[in-house]
Structure formats: structure tokens, C-alpha cells
Amino acid sequence: MKYEDLDDTDRKILRILQKDSTLTIKELAARINLSTSPTFDRQKRLEREGFIKGYHAILDSKKTGNGITVLCNMRLRHHSQQLMDDFMETIQGIEEITECYNTSGEYDFTLKIQTRDMDSYQEFMRTKLGNIESVGYFHSVFVMKEVKNTYGVPLK
């Protein structure tokens, strides 16, 4: 199923839940003017169809002791499917890497990394990212201030 196949009620459910996924079915049903049973069925269908991938609490990185956010652009030593697969599998287990994108252009990947401070970032680079055999080159950009992060996707 494609987004274009969804009706206005399904789209409204997605918009509402993207802003506040803690709503009960009763609260969600009231907002979309449906009874709870069809609202529940619609929400479960949107989950099964993959429109809703999960529900998560958004934590404040600074309050949890992660004061440094780094965008790290990196290149692999050389390009092969096996090397890329190995890299992508390896980073799944590295907690400090909170996002990873396979990119086009000068770099192969862009990583979002969160650590406590500069010392912990240096230690991370030395002991974790620097020890991944496939990594050839990386360039770190330190985030000075997060200006916008909506934690969502635009919906028509």
C-alpha cells in the first residue's frame, strides 16, 4: 500500500500519532471523530502496512549526559558489497552511533554520533570507529546548536 492510497482519516491518524504517540485509542478516536473499534483497526493496519514503524520516547541528549553531537562523514577503504555489508552490520552494535545514512558524493556514509564530551568522542574514535577495518577516512563536524529536529516526516 502507498501513501496515496490512504484516505483522509488514515492520514489524520498518522499526523496525530507523529506528534503524540502516547494517546490512548479513546483519545485518538475522539480527535478523528470515530469510535474506538474502527480507530484501533486503522491504527493496527497502518502498523502492519509499515507506515508506523514503532513508538519511542524522545530523550533529551544533554539531560542524559550526551553533550556532544557529531556528524561524521566517512569513506570506506575500498568499495565492495561485502565491505559495505560488514560496515553496516558492525555499526548496528555501536550505541554512540544513533543514525547512519549511506550517501552519494564524496563520502560513503554520514553518521550521527552522540557522546558525553570531547574526551569521550576522542576515545570513541580511537577505540570504536577507528578500529573498524573497512573505514578509510572520516571527517567530523561538531554540532554547535540543534536548530530544528522534528523527529517526523512531512505528510501531505
Protein backbone atom coordinates (compact mmCIF):
# COMPACT_ATOMS: atom_id res chain seq x y z
CA MET A 1 0.00 0.00 0.00
CA LYS A 2 1.23 3.50 -0.86
CA TYR A 3 0.68 6.76 0.99
CA GLU A 4 -1.50 7.96 -1.90
CA ASP A 5 -3.87 5.02 -1.23
CA LEU A 6 -4.63 6.19 2.31
CA ASP A 7 -7.81 8.11 2.97
CA ASP A 8 -8.03 11.38 4.90
CA THR A 9 -8.76 9.60 8.20
CA ASP A 10 -5.67 7.38 7.90
CA ARG A 11 -3.56 10.43 7.13
CA LYS A 12 -5.03 12.28 10.09
CA ILE A 13 -4.14 9.34 12.36
CA LEU A 14 -0.55 9.45 11.11
CA ARG A 15 -0.30 13.22 11.68
CA ILE A 16 -1.71 12.97 15.19
CA LEU A 17 0.38 9.98 16.28
CA GLN A 18 3.54 11.50 14.83
CA LYS A 19 3.06 14.45 17.21
CA ASP A 20 1.91 12.41 20.22
CA SER A 21 2.09 8.63 20.17
CA THR A 22 1.11 8.40 23.86
CA LEU A 23 -2.58 8.96 23.11
CA THR A 24 -4.94 6.19 24.09
CA ILE A 25 -7.21 4.71 21.44
CA LYS A 26 -10.10 6.54 23.10
CA GLU A 27 -8.27 9.90 22.84
CA LEU A 28 -7.21 9.23 19.25
CA ALA A 29 -10.76 8.21 18.29
CA ALA A 30 -12.14 11.44 19.75
CA ARG A 31 -9.69 13.51 17.69
CA ILE A 32 -10.65 11.84 14.41
CA ASN A 33 -14.38 11.56 15.22
CA LEU A 34 -14.60 7.77 15.04
CA SER A 35 -15.47 5.15 17.62
CA THR A 36 -12.64 3.26 19.29
CA SER A 37 -13.01 -0.06 17.44
CA PRO A 38 -12.52 1.28 13.88
CA THR A 39 -9.80 3.63 15.15
CA PHE A 40 -7.94 0.69 16.70
CA ASP A 41 -8.33 -1.34 13.47
CA ARG A 42 -7.00 1.54 11.37
CA GLN A 43 -4.00 2.10 13.65
CA LYS A 44 -3.13 -1.63 13.60
CA ARG A 45 -3.46 -1.72 9.79
CA LEU A 46 -1.12 1.30 9.49
CA GLU A 47 1.36 -0.58 11.70
CA ARG A 48 1.06 -3.81 9.66
CA GLU A 49 1.46 -1.90 6.39
CA GLY A 50 4.67 -0.31 7.70
CA PHE A 51 3.50 3.31 7.86
CA ILE A 52 4.03 3.24 11.61
CA LYS A 53 7.40 1.66 12.36
CA GLY A 54 7.28 1.94 16.15
CA TYR A 55 6.68 4.10 19.18
CA HIS A 56 9.56 5.70 21.07
CA ALA A 57 10.23 8.15 23.85
CA ILE A 58 12.36 11.08 22.65
CA LEU A 59 15.04 11.68 25.24
CA ASP A 60 16.93 14.90 25.87
CA SER A 61 20.54 14.10 24.96
CA LYS A 62 22.02 16.72 27.26
CA LYS A 63 19.98 15.58 30.27
CA THR A 64 21.11 12.01 29.65
CA GLY A 65 24.75 13.13 29.71
CA ASN A 66 25.40 13.25 25.97
CA GLY A 67 26.53 16.83 25.45
CA ILE A 68 28.32 16.36 22.11
CA THR A 69 26.60 15.60 18.80
CA VAL A 70 28.86 14.94 15.84
CA LEU A 71 28.06 14.42 12.17
CA CYS A 72 30.83 12.22 10.85
CA ASN A 73 31.25 11.82 7.11
CA MET A 74 33.27 8.76 6.22
CA ARG A 75 34.67 6.83 3.31
CA LEU A 76 35.39 3.13 3.14
CA ARG A 77 38.90 1.91 2.25
CA HIS A 78 37.55 0.45 -0.98
CA HIS A 79 34.14 -0.41 -2.37
CA SER A 80 32.71 -3.89 -2.42
CA GLN A 81 29.31 -5.16 -1.40
CA GLN A 82 30.86 -7.34 1.31
CA LEU A 83 32.82 -4.43 2.81
CA MET A 84 29.71 -2.23 2.88
CA ASP A 85 27.61 -5.01 4.39
CA ASP A 86 30.25 -5.67 7.05
CA PHE A 87 30.43 -1.98 7.95
CA MET A 88 26.65 -1.60 8.16
CA GLU A 89 26.39 -4.70 10.35
CA THR A 90 29.23 -3.58 12.64
CA ILE A 91 27.77 -0.15 13.38
CA GLN A 92 24.43 -1.65 14.44
CA GLY A 93 26.07 -2.63 17.71
CA ILE A 94 27.71 0.74 18.45
CA GLU A 95 25.47 2.65 20.82
CA GLU A 96 27.04 6.09 20.23
CA ILE A 97 26.05 5.95 16.54
CA THR A 98 22.39 6.96 16.68
CA GLU A 99 21.85 7.41 12.93
CA CYS A 100 23.65 6.26 9.80
CA TYR A 101 22.98 7.13 6.18
CA ASN A 102 24.56 5.59 3.08
CA THR A 103 25.20 8.68 0.97
CA SER A 104 26.27 9.68 -2.52
CA GLY A 105 29.07 12.05 -3.36
CA GLU A 106 32.45 12.40 -1.69
CA TYR A 107 31.56 10.24 1.32
CA ASP A 108 30.01 6.79 1.59
CA PHE A 109 28.25 7.29 4.93
CA THR A 110 27.14 10.05 7.27
CA LEU A 111 26.93 9.07 10.92
CA LYS A 112 25.26 10.91 13.78
CA ILE A 113 27.26 10.26 16.92
CA GLN A 114 26.41 11.31 20.47
CA THR A 115 28.90 11.24 23.34
CA ARG A 116 29.37 12.85 26.75
CA ASP A 117 32.18 15.26 25.86
CA MET A 118 35.23 15.79 23.63
CA ASP A 119 37.33 13.30 25.59
CA SER A 120 34.72 10.58 25.19
CA TYR A 121 34.41 11.38 21.47
CA GLN A 122 38.16 11.07 21.06
CA GLU A 123 38.07 7.73 22.91
CA PHE A 124 35.15 6.60 20.71
CA MET A 125 37.09 7.45 17.55
CA ARG A 126 40.22 5.72 18.81
CA THR A 127 38.66 2.54 20.18
CA LYS A 128 35.47 2.01 18.19
CA LEU A 129 35.16 3.77 14.82
CA GLY A 130 38.92 3.76 14.25
CA ASN A 131 39.04 0.01 14.81
CA ILE A 132 36.57 -0.84 12.06
CA GLU A 133 38.72 -2.40 9.36
CA SER A 134 36.68 -1.04 6.44
CA VAL A 135 36.92 2.64 7.50
CA GLY A 136 39.32 4.57 5.29
CA TYR A 137 38.77 8.26 6.02
CA PHE A 138 36.42 10.31 8.14
CA HIS A 139 35.65 13.98 8.66
CA SER A 140 33.92 15.14 11.84
CA VAL A 141 31.61 18.12 12.09
CA PHE A 142 30.61 19.17 15.61
CA VAL A 143 27.05 20.39 16.14
CA MET A 144 27.12 23.71 17.98
CA LYS A 145 23.34 24.01 18.36
CA GLU A 146 20.39 21.94 17.20
CA VAL A 147 18.15 24.42 15.43
CA LYS A 148 15.41 22.06 14.22
CA ASN A 149 14.64 18.42 14.76
CA THR A 150 11.01 17.48 14.26
CA TYR A 151 11.52 13.72 14.70
CA GLY A 152 8.99 13.22 11.97
CA VAL A 153 8.35 13.18 8.27
CA PRO A 154 6.35 15.69 6.22
CA LEU A 155 2.86 14.46 5.35
CA LYS A 156 0.60 15.84 2.62
